[in-house]
Amino acid sequence: MKRKILFLVFTNEPCRRNHAFLYAIDLARHGHDVRLLLEGEGVQCLREREERFGELFEEARGLGLLVGVCKAASAGCSDASRDVTRLAEESGLALVATLDGHAGIAEFVEEGYEVITF
């Protein structure tokens, strides 16, 4: 049975973040409807797209798995030094702000997605 899964990536810790992308890519290759949404500290991965993670990021983007990034988190959540908005836009990622400026997940849940948080 094919599943609908949303990976909510809050972490930028390399091992956990990379595994979220690995699992999402693997499930998509097996025919599941998979999405990745970057939130919180996870948006900082836009600064670290070299080596293995860069490959995973580009593969996920090529497969259409990346829904976007939380607009508030990408702006640094009141810390301008953490702003990655420009990097998100340059990557073609949507700034998601469906929950008071943050990325909401209600629409995914309503569409039947299971939510896995990293």
PDB file of N, CA and C in Angstrom:
ATOM      1  N   MET A   1       0.836  -1.181   0.000  1.00  0.00           N
ATOM      2  CA  MET A   1       0.000   0.000   0.000  1.00  0.00           C
ATOM      3  C   MET A   1       0.888   1.255   0.000  1.00  0.00           C
ATOM      4  N   LYS A   2       0.653   2.150  -0.917  1.00  0.00           N
ATOM      5  CA  LYS A   2       1.434   3.375  -1.009  1.00  0.00           C
ATOM      6  C   LYS A   2       0.973   4.357   0.066  1.00  0.00           C
ATOM      7  N   ARG A   3       1.920   5.076   0.639  1.00  0.00           N
ATOM      8  CA  ARG A   3       1.639   5.997   1.739  1.00  0.00           C
ATOM      9  C   ARG A   3       1.946   7.430   1.333  1.00  0.00           C
ATOM     10  N   LYS A   4       1.410   8.371   2.108  1.00  0.00           N
ATOM     11  CA  LYS A   4       1.696   9.793   1.962  1.00  0.00           C
ATOM     12  C   LYS A   4       2.420  10.220   3.235  1.00  0.00           C
ATOM     13  N   ILE A   5       3.653  10.723   3.056  1.00  0.00           N
ATOM     14  CA  ILE A   5       4.483  11.036   4.216  1.00  0.00           C
ATOM     15  C   ILE A   5       5.108  12.418   4.063  1.00  0.00           C
ATOM     16  N   LEU A   6       4.998  13.210   5.125  1.00  0.00           N
ATOM     17  CA  LEU A   6       5.650  14.509   5.205  1.00  0.00           C
ATOM     18  C   LEU A   6       6.782  14.402   6.215  1.00  0.00           C
ATOM     19  N   PHE A   7       8.014  14.674   5.764  1.00  0.00           N
ATOM     20  CA  PHE A   7       9.155  14.753   6.665  1.00  0.00           C
ATOM     21  C   PHE A   7       9.305  16.214   7.058  1.00  0.00           C
ATOM     22  N   LEU A   8       9.154  16.486   8.335  1.00  0.00           N
ATOM     23  CA  LEU A   8       9.307  17.825   8.882  1.00  0.00           C
ATOM     24  C   LEU A   8      10.712  17.880   9.473  1.00  0.00           C
ATOM     25  N   VAL A   9      11.607  18.597   8.792  1.00  0.00           N
ATOM     26  CA  VAL A   9      13.025  18.577   9.153  1.00  0.00           C
ATOM     27  C   VAL A   9      13.356  19.813   9.986  1.00  0.00           C
ATOM     28  N   PHE A  10      13.404  19.625  11.312  1.00  0.00           N
ATOM     29  CA  PHE A  10      13.740  20.687  12.263  1.00  0.00           C
ATOM     30  C   PHE A  10      15.224  20.733  12.581  1.00  0.00           C
ATOM     31  N   THR A  11      15.945  19.676  12.275  1.00  0.00           N
ATOM     32  CA  THR A  11      17.347  19.588  12.672  1.00  0.00           C
ATOM     33  C   THR A  11      18.294  19.933  11.533  1.00  0.00           C
ATOM     34  N   ASN A  12      19.426  20.480  11.916  1.00  0.00           N
ATOM     35  CA  ASN A  12      20.510  20.647  10.958  1.00  0.00           C
ATOM     36  C   ASN A  12      21.714  19.828  11.405  1.00  0.00           C
ATOM     37  N   GLU A  13      21.509  18.935  12.354  1.00  0.00           N
ATOM     38  CA  GLU A  13      22.560  18.016  12.779  1.00  0.00           C
ATOM     39  C   GLU A  13      22.773  17.061  11.607  1.00  0.00           C
ATOM     40  N   PRO A  14      23.981  16.991  11.057  1.00  0.00           N
ATOM     41  CA  PRO A  14      24.210  16.296   9.792  1.00  0.00           C
ATOM     42  C   PRO A  14      23.684  14.863   9.690  1.00  0.00           C
ATOM     43  N   CYS A  15      23.917  14.037  10.672  1.00  0.00           N
ATOM     44  CA  CYS A  15      23.489  12.640  10.568  1.00  0.00           C
ATOM     45  C   CYS A  15      21.963  12.538  10.503  1.00  0.00           C
ATOM     46  N   ARG A  16      21.281  13.213  11.390  1.00  0.00           N
ATOM     47  CA  ARG A  16      19.809  13.151  11.411  1.00  0.00           C
ATOM     48  C   ARG A  16      19.210  13.792  10.158  1.00  0.00           C
ATOM     49  N   ARG A  17      19.726  14.969   9.790  1.00  0.00           N
ATOM     50  CA  ARG A  17      19.221  15.672   8.604  1.00  0.00           C
ATOM     51  C   ARG A  17      19.425  14.819   7.363  1.00  0.00           C
ATOM     52  N   ASN A  18      20.623  14.267   7.192  1.00  0.00           N
ATOM     53  CA  ASN A  18      20.903  13.451   6.014  1.00  0.00           C
ATOM     54  C   ASN A  18      19.992  12.231   5.957  1.00  0.00           C
ATOM     55  N   HIS A  19      19.740  11.620   7.107  1.00  0.00           N
ATOM     56  CA  HIS A  19      18.861  10.460   7.113  1.00  0.00           C
ATOM     57  C   HIS A  19      17.420  10.829   6.763  1.00  0.00           C
ATOM     58  N   ALA A  20      16.960  11.981   7.179  1.00  0.00           N
ATOM     59  CA  ALA A  20      15.619  12.417   6.782  1.00  0.00           C
ATOM     60  C   ALA A  20      15.536  12.480   5.256  1.00  0.00           C
ATOM     61  N   PHE A  21      16.562  13.058   4.630  1.00  0.00           N
ATOM     62  CA  PHE A  21      16.581  13.146   3.171  1.00  0.00           C
ATOM     63  C   PHE A  21      16.730  11.768   2.534  1.00  0.00           C
ATOM     64  N   LEU A  22      17.610  10.931   3.098  1.00  0.00           N
ATOM     65  CA  LEU A  22      17.782   9.576   2.566  1.00  0.00           C
ATOM     66  C   LEU A  22      16.474   8.791   2.597  1.00  0.00           C
ATOM     67  N   TYR A  23      15.784   8.835   3.745  1.00  0.00           N
ATOM     68  CA  TYR A  23      14.524   8.099   3.871  1.00  0.00           C
ATOM     69  C   TYR A  23      13.476   8.633   2.902  1.00  0.00           C
ATOM     70  N   ALA A  24      13.402   9.953   2.784  1.00  0.00           N
ATOM     71  CA  ALA A  24      12.412  10.553   1.883  1.00  0.00           C
ATOM     72  C   ALA A  24      12.685  10.132   0.435  1.00  0.00           C
ATOM     73  N   ILE A  25      13.918  10.184   0.021  1.00  0.00           N
ATOM     74  CA  ILE A  25      14.291   9.795  -1.348  1.00  0.00           C
ATOM     75  C   ILE A  25      13.990   8.325  -1.582  1.00  0.00           C
ATOM     76  N   ASP A  26      14.361   7.484  -0.636  1.00  0.00           N
ATOM     77  CA  ASP A  26      14.118   6.052  -0.763  1.00  0.00           C
ATOM     78  C   ASP A  26      12.624   5.747  -0.877  1.00  0.00           C
ATOM     79  N   LEU A  27      11.826   6.348  -0.027  1.00  0.00           N
ATOM     80  CA  LEU A  27      10.384   6.109  -0.078  1.00  0.00           C
ATOM     81  C   LEU A  27       9.784   6.607  -1.395  1.00  0.00           C
ATOM     82  N   ALA A  28      10.261   7.755  -1.868  1.00  0.00           N
ATOM     83  CA  ALA A  28       9.761   8.276  -3.148  1.00  0.00           C
ATOM     84  C   ALA A  28      10.111   7.325  -4.283  1.00  0.00           C
ATOM     85  N   ARG A  29      11.322   6.792  -4.263  1.00  0.00           N
ATOM     86  CA  ARG A  29      11.735   5.829  -5.293  1.00  0.00           C
ATOM     87  C   ARG A  29      10.889   4.562  -5.256  1.00  0.00           C
ATOM     88  N   HIS A  30      10.339   4.255  -4.087  1.00  0.00           N
ATOM     89  CA  HIS A  30       9.464   3.085  -3.951  1.00  0.00           C
ATOM     90  C   HIS A  30       7.997   3.426  -4.200  1.00  0.00           C
ATOM     91  N   GLY A  31       7.757   4.605  -4.738  1.00  0.00           N
ATOM     92  CA  GLY A  31       6.417   4.964  -5.180  1.00  0.00           C
ATOM     93  C   GLY A  31       5.532   5.667  -4.174  1.00  0.00           C
ATOM     94  N   HIS A  32       6.063   6.003  -3.010  1.00  0.00           N
ATOM     95  CA  HIS A  32       5.255   6.702  -2.014  1.00  0.00           C
ATOM     96  C   HIS A  32       5.225   8.197  -2.326  1.00  0.00           C
ATOM     97  N   ASP A  33       4.185   8.863  -1.871  1.00  0.00           N
ATOM     98  CA  ASP A  33       4.013  10.300  -2.044  1.00  0.00           C
ATOM     99  C   ASP A  33       4.694  10.971  -0.857  1.00  0.00           C
ATOM    100  N   VAL A  34       5.877  11.527  -1.098  1.00  0.00           N
ATOM    101  CA  VAL A  34       6.722  12.038  -0.019  1.00  0.00           C
ATOM    102  C   VAL A  34       6.998  13.520  -0.217  1.00  0.00           C
ATOM    103  N   ARG A  35       7.015  14.257   0.894  1.00  0.00           N
ATOM    104  CA  ARG A  35       7.365  15.669   0.877  1.00  0.00           C
ATOM    105  C   ARG A  35       8.332  15.956   2.016  1.00  0.00           C
ATOM    106  N   LEU A  36       9.192  16.947   1.803  1.00  0.00           N
ATOM    107  CA  LEU A  36      10.127  17.440   2.823  1.00  0.00           C
ATOM    108  C   LEU A  36       9.826  18.912   3.072  1.00  0.00           C
ATOM    109  N   LEU A  37       9.715  19.291   4.335  1.00  0.00           N
ATOM    110  CA  LEU A  37       9.480  20.680   4.713  1.00  0.00           C
ATOM    111  C   LEU A  37      10.539  21.066   5.734  1.00  0.00           C
ATOM    112  N   LEU A  38      11.298  22.121   5.435  1.00  0.00           N
ATOM    113  CA  LEU A  38      12.359  22.579   6.324  1.00  0.00           C
ATOM    114  C   LEU A  38      11.803  23.602   7.299  1.00  0.00           C
ATOM    115  N   GLU A  39      12.092  23.392   8.574  1.00  0.00           N
ATOM    116  CA  GLU A  39      11.532  24.221   9.636  1.00  0.00           C
ATOM    117  C   GLU A  39      12.598  24.439  10.708  1.00  0.00           C
ATOM    118  N   GLY A  40      12.462  25.491  11.471  1.00  0.00           N
ATOM    119  CA  GLY A  40      13.366  25.747  12.590  1.00  0.00           C
ATOM    120  C   GLY A  40      14.828  25.731  12.177  1.00  0.00           C
ATOM    121  N   GLU A  41      15.638  25.069  12.971  1.00  0.00           N
ATOM    122  CA  GLU A  41      17.081  24.967  12.709  1.00  0.00           C
ATOM    123  C   GLU A  41      17.367  24.269  11.375  1.00  0.00           C
ATOM    124  N   GLY A  42      16.415  23.469  10.901  1.00  0.00           N
ATOM    125  CA  GLY A  42      16.596  22.746   9.646  1.00  0.00           C
ATOM    126  C   GLY A  42      16.803  23.632   8.435  1.00  0.00           C
ATOM    127  N   VAL A  43      16.312  24.865   8.473  1.00  0.00           N
ATOM    128  CA  VAL A  43      16.488  25.755   7.322  1.00  0.00           C
ATOM    129  C   VAL A  43      17.956  26.139   7.121  1.00  0.00           C
ATOM    130  N   GLN A  44      18.764  26.006   8.168  1.00  0.00           N
ATOM    131  CA  GLN A  44      20.180  26.362   8.058  1.00  0.00           C
ATOM    132  C   GLN A  44      20.942  25.432   7.121  1.00  0.00           C
ATOM    133  N   CYS A  45      20.329  24.301   6.769  1.00  0.00           N
ATOM    134  CA  CYS A  45      20.995  23.392   5.829  1.00  0.00           C
ATOM    135  C   CYS A  45      21.208  24.062   4.476  1.00  0.00           C
ATOM    136  N   LEU A  46      20.473  25.124   4.197  1.00  0.00           N
ATOM    137  CA  LEU A  46      20.655  25.831   2.931  1.00  0.00           C
ATOM    138  C   LEU A  46      22.052  26.446   2.832  1.00  0.00           C
ATOM    139  N   ARG A  47      22.712  26.624   3.952  1.00  0.00           N
ATOM    140  CA  ARG A  47      24.089  27.140   3.978  1.00  0.00           C
ATOM    141  C   ARG A  47      25.109  26.028   3.776  1.00  0.00           C
ATOM    142  N   GLU A  48      24.691  24.780   3.893  1.00  0.00           N
ATOM    143  CA  GLU A  48      25.617  23.650   3.935  1.00  0.00           C
ATOM    144  C   GLU A  48      25.324  22.634   2.839  1.00  0.00           C
ATOM    145  N   ARG A  49      25.347  23.061   1.616  1.00  0.00           N
ATOM    146  CA  ARG A  49      24.956  22.171   0.539  1.00  0.00           C
ATOM    147  C   ARG A  49      26.141  21.630  -0.252  1.00  0.00           C
ATOM    148  N   GLU A  50      27.217  21.343   0.444  1.00  0.00           N
ATOM    149  CA  GLU A  50      28.365  20.731  -0.217  1.00  0.00           C
ATOM    150  C   GLU A  50      28.413  19.250   0.141  1.00  0.00           C
ATOM    151  N   GLU A  51      29.275  18.545  -0.530  1.00  0.00           N
ATOM    152  CA  GLU A  51      29.547  17.131  -0.300  1.00  0.00           C
ATOM    153  C   GLU A  51      28.265  16.293  -0.306  1.00  0.00           C
ATOM    154  N   ARG A  52      28.174  15.333   0.595  1.00  0.00           N
ATOM    155  CA  ARG A  52      27.070  14.361   0.565  1.00  0.00           C
ATOM    156  C   ARG A  52      25.711  15.029   0.717  1.00  0.00           C
ATOM    157  N   PHE A  53      25.587  15.987   1.631  1.00  0.00           N
ATOM    158  CA  PHE A  53      24.282  16.612   1.793  1.00  0.00           C
ATOM    159  C   PHE A  53      23.874  17.366   0.536  1.00  0.00           C
ATOM    160  N   GLY A  54      24.818  17.997  -0.135  1.00  0.00           N
ATOM    161  CA  GLY A  54      24.499  18.694  -1.378  1.00  0.00           C
ATOM    162  C   GLY A  54      23.906  17.750  -2.411  1.00  0.00           C
ATOM    163  N   GLU A  55      24.445  16.555  -2.483  1.00  0.00           N
ATOM    164  CA  GLU A  55      23.917  15.547  -3.410  1.00  0.00           C
ATOM    165  C   GLU A  55      22.488  15.149  -3.027  1.00  0.00           C
ATOM    166  N   LEU A  56      22.263  14.929  -1.737  1.00  0.00           N
ATOM    167  CA  LEU A  56      20.931  14.550  -1.262  1.00  0.00           C
ATOM    168  C   LEU A  56      19.922  15.671  -1.512  1.00  0.00           C
ATOM    169  N   PHE A  57      20.343  16.901  -1.229  1.00  0.00           N
ATOM    170  CA  PHE A  57      19.468  18.051  -1.431  1.00  0.00           C
ATOM    171  C   PHE A  57      19.059  18.155  -2.899  1.00  0.00           C
ATOM    172  N   GLU A  58      20.025  18.069  -3.792  1.00  0.00           N
ATOM    173  CA  GLU A  58      19.734  18.197  -5.215  1.00  0.00           C
ATOM    174  C   GLU A  58      18.865  17.042  -5.714  1.00  0.00           C
ATOM    175  N   GLU A  59      19.105  15.839  -5.197  1.00  0.00           N
ATOM    176  CA  GLU A  59      18.277  14.704  -5.606  1.00  0.00           C
ATOM    177  C   GLU A  59      16.841  14.887  -5.126  1.00  0.00           C
ATOM    178  N   ALA A  60      16.669  15.308  -3.881  1.00  0.00           N
ATOM    179  CA  ALA A  60      15.324  15.543  -3.355  1.00  0.00           C
ATOM    180  C   ALA A  60      14.630  16.652  -4.131  1.00  0.00           C
ATOM    181  N   ARG A  61      15.364  17.706  -4.431  1.00  0.00           N
ATOM    182  CA  ARG A  61      14.778  18.809  -5.200  1.00  0.00           C
ATOM    183  C   ARG A  61      14.399  18.334  -6.600  1.00  0.00           C
ATOM    184  N   GLY A  62      15.259  17.548  -7.228  1.00  0.00           N
ATOM    185  CA  GLY A  62      14.977  17.021  -8.556  1.00  0.00           C
ATOM    186  C   GLY A  62      13.765  16.110  -8.596  1.00  0.00           C
ATOM    187  N   LEU A  63      13.522  15.400  -7.500  1.00  0.00           N
ATOM    188  CA  LEU A  63      12.357  14.520  -7.420  1.00  0.00           C
ATOM    189  C   LEU A  63      11.087  15.274  -7.026  1.00  0.00           C
ATOM    190  N   GLY A  64      11.223  16.572  -6.753  1.00  0.00           N
ATOM    191  CA  GLY A  64      10.060  17.373  -6.372  1.00  0.00           C
ATOM    192  C   GLY A  64       9.586  17.142  -4.951  1.00  0.00           C
ATOM    193  N   LEU A  65      10.491  16.695  -4.080  1.00  0.00           N
ATOM    194  CA  LEU A  65      10.104  16.370  -2.707  1.00  0.00           C
ATOM    195  C   LEU A  65      10.078  17.580  -1.782  1.00  0.00           C
ATOM    196  N   LEU A  66      10.831  18.614  -2.102  1.00  0.00           N
ATOM    197  CA  LEU A  66      10.945  19.771  -1.213  1.00  0.00           C
ATOM    198  C   LEU A  66       9.745  20.703  -1.378  1.00  0.00           C
ATOM    199  N   VAL A  67       8.907  20.754  -0.354  1.00  0.00           N
ATOM    200  CA  VAL A  67       7.735  21.629  -0.347  1.00  0.00           C
ATOM    201  C   VAL A  67       8.160  23.080  -0.194  1.00  0.00           C
ATOM    202  N   GLY A  68       9.124  23.312   0.685  1.00  0.00           N
ATOM    203  CA  GLY A  68       9.590  24.658   0.933  1.00  0.00           C
ATOM    204  C   GLY A  68      10.210  24.773   2.304  1.00  0.00           C
ATOM    205  N   VAL A  69      10.337  26.026   2.764  1.00  0.00           N
ATOM    206  CA  VAL A  69      10.930  26.322   4.062  1.00  0.00           C
ATOM    207  C   VAL A  69      10.006  27.247   4.837  1.00  0.00           C
ATOM    208  N   CYS A  70      10.048  27.124   6.141  1.00  0.00           N
ATOM    209  CA  CYS A  70       9.269  28.013   6.998  1.00  0.00           C
ATOM    210  C   CYS A  70       9.754  29.441   6.775  1.00  0.00           C
ATOM    211  N   LYS A  71       8.823  30.328   6.488  1.00  0.00           N
ATOM    212  CA  LYS A  71       9.188  31.718   6.220  1.00  0.00           C
ATOM    213  C   LYS A  71       9.824  32.377   7.445  1.00  0.00           C
ATOM    214  N   ALA A  72       9.237  32.181   8.626  1.00  0.00           N
ATOM    215  CA  ALA A  72       9.775  32.797   9.843  1.00  0.00           C
ATOM    216  C   ALA A  72      11.161  32.250  10.165  1.00  0.00           C
ATOM    217  N   ALA A  73      11.329  30.937  10.060  1.00  0.00           N
ATOM    218  CA  ALA A  73      12.630  30.338  10.360  1.00  0.00           C
ATOM    219  C   ALA A  73      13.675  30.773   9.349  1.00  0.00           C
ATOM    220  N   SER A  74      13.293  30.874   8.077  1.00  0.00           N
ATOM    221  CA  SER A  74      14.270  31.274   7.062  1.00  0.00           C
ATOM    222  C   SER A  74      14.726  32.712   7.271  1.00  0.00           C
ATOM    223  N   ALA A  75      13.866  33.532   7.873  1.00  0.00           N
ATOM    224  CA  ALA A  75      14.233  34.918   8.164  1.00  0.00           C
ATOM    225  C   ALA A  75      15.082  35.023   9.427  1.00  0.00           C
ATOM    226  N   GLY A  76      15.335  33.903  10.089  1.00  0.00           N
ATOM    227  CA  GLY A  76      16.206  33.886  11.253  1.00  0.00           C
ATOM    228  C   GLY A  76      15.480  33.970  12.576  1.00  0.00           C
ATOM    229  N   CYS A  77      14.136  33.987  12.558  1.00  0.00           N
ATOM    230  CA  CYS A  77      13.370  34.080  13.816  1.00  0.00           C
ATOM    231  C   CYS A  77      13.920  35.192  14.701  1.00  0.00           C
ATOM    232  N   SER A  78      13.959  36.389  14.165  1.00  0.00           N
ATOM    233  CA  SER A  78      14.416  37.599  14.870  1.00  0.00           C
ATOM    234  C   SER A  78      15.933  37.707  15.013  1.00  0.00           C
ATOM    235  N   ASP A  79      16.687  36.843  14.351  1.00  0.00           N
ATOM    236  CA  ASP A  79      18.148  36.914  14.379  1.00  0.00           C
ATOM    237  C   ASP A  79      18.627  37.057  12.931  1.00  0.00           C
ATOM    238  N   ALA A  80      18.894  38.277  12.523  1.00  0.00           N
ATOM    239  CA  ALA A  80      19.251  38.571  11.133  1.00  0.00           C
ATOM    240  C   ALA A  80      20.478  37.798  10.651  1.00  0.00           C
ATOM    241  N   SER A  81      21.366  37.419  11.546  1.00  0.00           N
ATOM    242  CA  SER A  81      22.558  36.680  11.133  1.00  0.00           C
ATOM    243  C   SER A  81      22.228  35.257  10.683  1.00  0.00           C
ATOM    244  N   ARG A  82      21.026  34.791  10.990  1.00  0.00           N
ATOM    245  CA  ARG A  82      20.604  33.448  10.624  1.00  0.00           C
ATOM    246  C   ARG A  82      19.656  33.455   9.419  1.00  0.00           C
ATOM    247  N   ASP A  83      19.475  34.580   8.780  1.00  0.00           N
ATOM    248  CA  ASP A  83      18.558  34.723   7.652  1.00  0.00           C
ATOM    249  C   ASP A  83      19.060  33.949   6.430  1.00  0.00           C
ATOM    250  N   VAL A  84      18.243  33.019   5.938  1.00  0.00           N
ATOM    251  CA  VAL A  84      18.579  32.252   4.735  1.00  0.00           C
ATOM    252  C   VAL A  84      17.499  32.420   3.658  1.00  0.00           C
ATOM    253  N   THR A  85      16.714  33.479   3.774  1.00  0.00           N
ATOM    254  CA  THR A  85      15.629  33.725   2.828  1.00  0.00           C
ATOM    255  C   THR A  85      16.143  33.779   1.393  1.00  0.00           C
ATOM    256  N   ARG A  86      17.215  34.511   1.175  1.00  0.00           N
ATOM    257  CA  ARG A  86      17.771  34.636  -0.178  1.00  0.00           C
ATOM    258  C   ARG A  86      18.203  33.268  -0.708  1.00  0.00           C
ATOM    259  N   LEU A  87      18.824  32.456   0.144  1.00  0.00           N
ATOM    260  CA  LEU A  87      19.256  31.125  -0.276  1.00  0.00           C
ATOM    261  C   LEU A  87      18.057  30.239  -0.630  1.00  0.00           C
ATOM    262  N   ALA A  88      16.981  30.361   0.120  1.00  0.00           N
ATOM    263  CA  ALA A  88      15.769  29.590  -0.187  1.00  0.00           C
ATOM    264  C   ALA A  88      15.215  30.008  -1.548  1.00  0.00           C
ATOM    265  N   GLU A  89      15.137  31.296  -1.768  1.00  0.00           N
ATOM    266  CA  GLU A  89      14.608  31.794  -3.040  1.00  0.00           C
ATOM    267  C   GLU A  89      15.505  31.389  -4.207  1.00  0.00           C
ATOM    268  N   GLU A  90      16.820  31.478  -4.036  1.00  0.00           N
ATOM    269  CA  GLU A  90      17.755  31.079  -5.090  1.00  0.00           C
ATOM    270  C   GLU A  90      17.650  29.588  -5.401  1.00  0.00           C
ATOM    271  N   SER A  91      17.232  28.797  -4.414  1.00  0.00           N
ATOM    272  CA  SER A  91      17.072  27.353  -4.596  1.00  0.00           C
ATOM    273  C   SER A  91      15.704  27.002  -5.179  1.00  0.00           C
ATOM    274  N   GLY A  92      14.874  28.028  -5.373  1.00  0.00           N
ATOM    275  CA  GLY A  92      13.543  27.783  -5.918  1.00  0.00           C
ATOM    276  C   GLY A  92      12.564  27.211  -4.906  1.00  0.00           C
ATOM    277  N   LEU A  93      12.853  27.389  -3.627  1.00  0.00           N
ATOM    278  CA  LEU A  93      11.977  26.858  -2.583  1.00  0.00           C
ATOM    279  C   LEU A  93      10.959  27.906  -2.144  1.00  0.00           C
ATOM    280  N   ALA A  94       9.745  27.446  -1.930  1.00  0.00           N
ATOM    281  CA  ALA A  94       8.682  28.328  -1.459  1.00  0.00           C
ATOM    282  C   ALA A  94       8.918  28.694  -0.004  1.00  0.00           C
ATOM    283  N   LEU A  95       8.570  29.921   0.354  1.00  0.00           N
ATOM    284  CA  LEU A  95       8.575  30.356   1.748  1.00  0.00           C
ATOM    285  C   LEU A  95       7.168  30.086   2.272  1.00  0.00           C
ATOM    286  N   VAL A  96       7.038  29.104   3.141  1.00  0.00           N
ATOM    287  CA  VAL A  96       5.733  28.656   3.615  1.00  0.00           C
ATOM    288  C   VAL A  96       5.376  29.406   4.891  1.00  0.00           C
ATOM    289  N   ALA A  97       4.209  30.052   4.887  1.00  0.00           N
ATOM    290  CA  ALA A  97       3.801  30.880   6.026  1.00  0.00           C
ATOM    291  C   ALA A  97       2.314  30.716   6.307  1.00  0.00           C
ATOM    292  N   THR A  98       1.840  29.495   6.315  1.00  0.00           N
ATOM    293  CA  THR A  98       0.406  29.233   6.462  1.00  0.00           C
ATOM    294  C   THR A  98      -0.078  29.225   7.905  1.00  0.00           C
ATOM    295  N   LEU A  99       0.822  29.428   8.862  1.00  0.00           N
ATOM    296  CA  LEU A  99       0.469  29.404  10.283  1.00  0.00           C
ATOM    297  C   LEU A  99       1.101  30.610  10.970  1.00  0.00           C
ATOM    298  N   ASP A 100       0.456  31.761  10.848  1.00  0.00           N
ATOM    299  CA  ASP A 100       0.963  32.994  11.460  1.00  0.00           C
ATOM    300  C   ASP A 100       2.418  33.264  11.106  1.00  0.00           C
ATOM    301  N   GLY A 101       2.776  33.090   9.842  1.00  0.00           N
ATOM    302  CA  GLY A 101       4.135  33.339   9.371  1.00  0.00           C
ATOM    303  C   GLY A 101       5.035  32.123   9.427  1.00  0.00           C
ATOM    304  N   HIS A 102       4.561  31.064  10.060  1.00  0.00           N
ATOM    305  CA  HIS A 102       5.314  29.815  10.145  1.00  0.00           C
ATOM    306  C   HIS A 102       4.724  28.794   9.187  1.00  0.00           C
ATOM    307  N   ALA A 103       5.442  27.717   8.984  1.00  0.00           N
ATOM    308  CA  ALA A 103       4.970  26.653   8.097  1.00  0.00           C
ATOM    309  C   ALA A 103       3.975  25.769   8.842  1.00  0.00           C
ATOM    310  N   GLY A 104       2.732  25.823   8.430  1.00  0.00           N
ATOM    311  CA  GLY A 104       1.719  24.957   9.033  1.00  0.00           C
ATOM    312  C   GLY A 104       1.705  23.600   8.353  1.00  0.00           C
ATOM    313  N   ILE A 105       1.183  22.609   9.064  1.00  0.00           N
ATOM    314  CA  ILE A 105       1.109  21.261   8.500  1.00  0.00           C
ATOM    315  C   ILE A 105      -0.330  20.777   8.362  1.00  0.00           C
ATOM    316  N   ALA A 106      -1.304  21.608   8.738  1.00  0.00           N
ATOM    317  CA  ALA A 106      -2.709  21.189   8.704  1.00  0.00           C
ATOM    318  C   ALA A 106      -3.127  20.706   7.326  1.00  0.00           C
ATOM    319  N   GLU A 107      -2.719  21.404   6.277  1.00  0.00           N
ATOM    320  CA  GLU A 107      -3.133  21.002   4.930  1.00  0.00           C
ATOM    321  C   GLU A 107      -2.608  19.613   4.574  1.00  0.00           C
ATOM    322  N   PHE A 108      -1.419  19.283   5.047  1.00  0.00           N
ATOM    323  CA  PHE A 108      -0.862  17.954   4.776  1.00  0.00           C
ATOM    324  C   PHE A 108      -1.635  16.874   5.536  1.00  0.00           C
ATOM    325  N   VAL A 109      -1.923  17.151   6.792  1.00  0.00           N
ATOM    326  CA  VAL A 109      -2.682  16.193   7.602  1.00  0.00           C
ATOM    327  C   VAL A 109      -4.069  15.987   6.993  1.00  0.00           C
ATOM    328  N   GLU A 110      -4.697  17.072   6.573  1.00  0.00           N
ATOM    329  CA  GLU A 110      -6.017  16.980   5.951  1.00  0.00           C
ATOM    330  C   GLU A 110      -5.985  16.185   4.652  1.00  0.00           C
ATOM    331  N   GLU A 111      -4.844  16.195   3.961  1.00  0.00           N
ATOM    332  CA  GLU A 111      -4.693  15.435   2.717  1.00  0.00           C
ATOM    333  C   GLU A 111      -4.233  14.004   2.975  1.00  0.00           C
ATOM    334  N   GLY A 112      -4.112  13.617   4.249  1.00  0.00           N
ATOM    335  CA  GLY A 112      -3.787  12.250   4.587  1.00  0.00           C
ATOM    336  C   GLY A 112      -2.313  11.928   4.757  1.00  0.00           C
ATOM    337  N   TYR A 113      -1.466  12.950   4.853  1.00  0.00           N
ATOM    338  CA  TYR A 113      -0.033  12.701   5.059  1.00  0.00           C
ATOM    339  C   TYR A 113       0.239  12.315   6.507  1.00  0.00           C
ATOM    340  N   GLU A 114       1.105  11.336   6.686  1.00  0.00           N
ATOM    341  CA  GLU A 114       1.662  11.022   7.996  1.00  0.00           C
ATOM    342  C   GLU A 114       2.818  11.995   8.185  1.00  0.00           C
ATOM    343  N   VAL A 115       3.020  12.470   9.397  1.00  0.00           N
ATOM    344  CA  VAL A 115       4.088  13.424   9.656  1.00  0.00           C
ATOM    345  C   VAL A 115       5.196  12.747  10.459  1.00  0.00           C
ATOM    346  N   ILE A 116       6.409  12.821   9.918  1.00  0.00           N
ATOM    347  CA  ILE A 116       7.594  12.312  10.613  1.00  0.00           C
ATOM    348  C   ILE A 116       8.501  13.510  10.859  1.00  0.00           C
ATOM    349  N   THR A 117       8.851  13.711  12.119  1.00  0.00           N
ATOM    350  CA  THR A 117       9.653  14.871  12.490  1.00  0.00           C
ATOM    351  C   THR A 117      11.084  14.446  12.814  1.00  0.00           C
ATOM    352  N   PHE A 118      12.023  15.155  12.205  1.00  0.00           N
ATOM    353  CA  PHE A 118      13.447  14.970  12.495  1.00  0.00           C
ATOM    354  C   PHE A 118      13.969  16.223  13.135  1.00  0.00           C
TER     355      PHE A 118
END
